[in-house]
């Protein structure tokens, strides 16, 4: 969920907003003249909060009954893995 902030307020509180994005994982939508202009979002997962993780996991749909069979099929279609380390 993103908090809406006016462009004027964002300019006045930029340092605080950046800290909240970085350390709390919050997101902000910047609004100018009533129009949404941009969003401030964390760039790395390091800023994810437990609440954010819970919301993300809750948004992922449950796998259907064919999911295990799909995994077996996908694995059988993959070529053998090449070692990635030097010999």
Protein backbone atom coordinates (compact mmCIF):
# COMPACT_ATOMS: atom_id res chain seq x y z
CA UNK A 1 0.00 0.00 0.00
CA UNK A 2 1.38 3.38 -1.02
CA UNK A 3 0.91 6.61 0.91
CA UNK A 4 0.02 9.64 -1.23
CA UNK A 5 2.17 12.72 -0.65
CA UNK A 6 1.93 16.10 -2.38
CA UNK A 7 4.97 17.23 -4.35
CA UNK A 8 5.35 20.18 -1.99
CA UNK A 9 5.33 17.95 1.10
CA UNK A 10 7.75 15.51 -0.59
CA UNK A 11 10.17 18.37 -1.29
CA UNK A 12 9.97 19.58 2.31
CA UNK A 13 10.34 16.10 3.84
CA UNK A 14 12.56 14.38 1.26
CA UNK A 15 15.15 13.16 3.78
CA UNK A 16 12.46 11.68 6.05
CA UNK A 17 10.66 10.01 3.13
CA UNK A 18 13.92 8.51 1.85
CA UNK A 19 14.66 7.11 5.31
CA UNK A 20 11.21 5.60 5.59
CA UNK A 21 11.56 3.99 2.17
CA UNK A 22 15.04 2.66 2.94
CA UNK A 23 14.61 1.45 6.51
CA UNK A 24 10.90 0.67 6.78
CA UNK A 25 10.21 -0.43 3.22
CA UNK A 26 7.39 2.10 2.84
CA UNK A 27 6.27 3.36 -0.57
CA UNK A 28 4.99 6.81 -1.47
CA UNK A 29 3.06 8.11 -4.46
CA UNK A 30 3.95 11.72 -5.26
CA UNK A 31 0.96 13.81 -6.38
CA UNK A 32 1.13 17.16 -8.19
CA UNK A 33 -2.03 19.14 -8.95
CA UNK A 34 -4.14 16.10 -8.09
CA UNK A 35 -2.31 13.83 -10.56
CA UNK A 36 -0.10 10.92 -9.52
CA UNK A 37 3.35 11.67 -10.92
CA UNK A 38 5.72 8.99 -9.55
CA UNK A 39 6.37 6.51 -6.79
CA UNK A 40 9.18 6.21 -4.27
CA UNK A 41 9.83 2.51 -3.63
CA UNK A 42 12.71 0.53 -2.12
CA UNK A 43 15.23 -0.64 -4.72
CA UNK A 44 16.47 -3.67 -2.80
CA UNK A 45 14.78 -6.32 -0.67
CA UNK A 46 16.91 -5.20 2.31
CA UNK A 47 14.25 -2.61 3.14
CA UNK A 48 11.39 -5.12 3.26
CA UNK A 49 9.55 -5.19 6.53
CA UNK A 50 7.84 -8.23 7.99
CA UNK A 51 4.54 -6.58 7.14
CA UNK A 52 5.68 -6.14 3.55
CA UNK A 53 6.77 -9.77 3.38
CA UNK A 54 3.43 -10.91 4.79
CA UNK A 55 1.53 -8.81 2.23
CA UNK A 56 3.69 -10.09 -0.62
CA UNK A 57 3.27 -13.73 0.39
CA UNK A 58 -0.49 -13.25 0.87
CA UNK A 59 -0.78 -11.93 -2.70
CA UNK A 60 0.73 -15.08 -4.25
CA UNK A 61 -2.00 -17.46 -5.41
CA UNK A 62 -2.15 -20.99 -4.04
CA UNK A 63 -0.78 -23.62 -6.45
CA UNK A 64 -3.39 -25.80 -8.12
CA UNK A 65 -3.59 -29.60 -7.87
CA UNK A 66 -1.50 -30.04 -11.04
CA UNK A 67 1.46 -28.09 -9.62
CA UNK A 68 3.51 -31.13 -8.48
CA UNK A 69 3.04 -32.78 -11.90
CA UNK A 70 4.08 -29.53 -13.60
CA UNK A 71 7.31 -29.50 -11.57
CA UNK A 72 8.11 -33.10 -12.52
CA UNK A 73 7.46 -32.32 -16.20
CA UNK A 74 9.56 -29.15 -16.16
CA UNK A 75 12.45 -30.92 -14.46
CA UNK A 76 12.34 -33.79 -16.97
CA UNK A 77 12.51 -31.30 -19.86
CA UNK A 78 15.64 -29.56 -18.55
CA UNK A 79 19.04 -30.50 -19.98
CA UNK A 80 21.64 -31.84 -17.55
CA UNK A 81 23.37 -29.07 -15.63
CA UNK A 82 26.93 -28.21 -16.62
CA UNK A 83 29.35 -27.69 -13.74
CA UNK A 84 29.88 -23.97 -13.23
CA UNK A 85 33.27 -24.25 -11.52
CA UNK A 86 36.64 -24.65 -13.25
CA UNK A 87 37.98 -28.18 -13.69
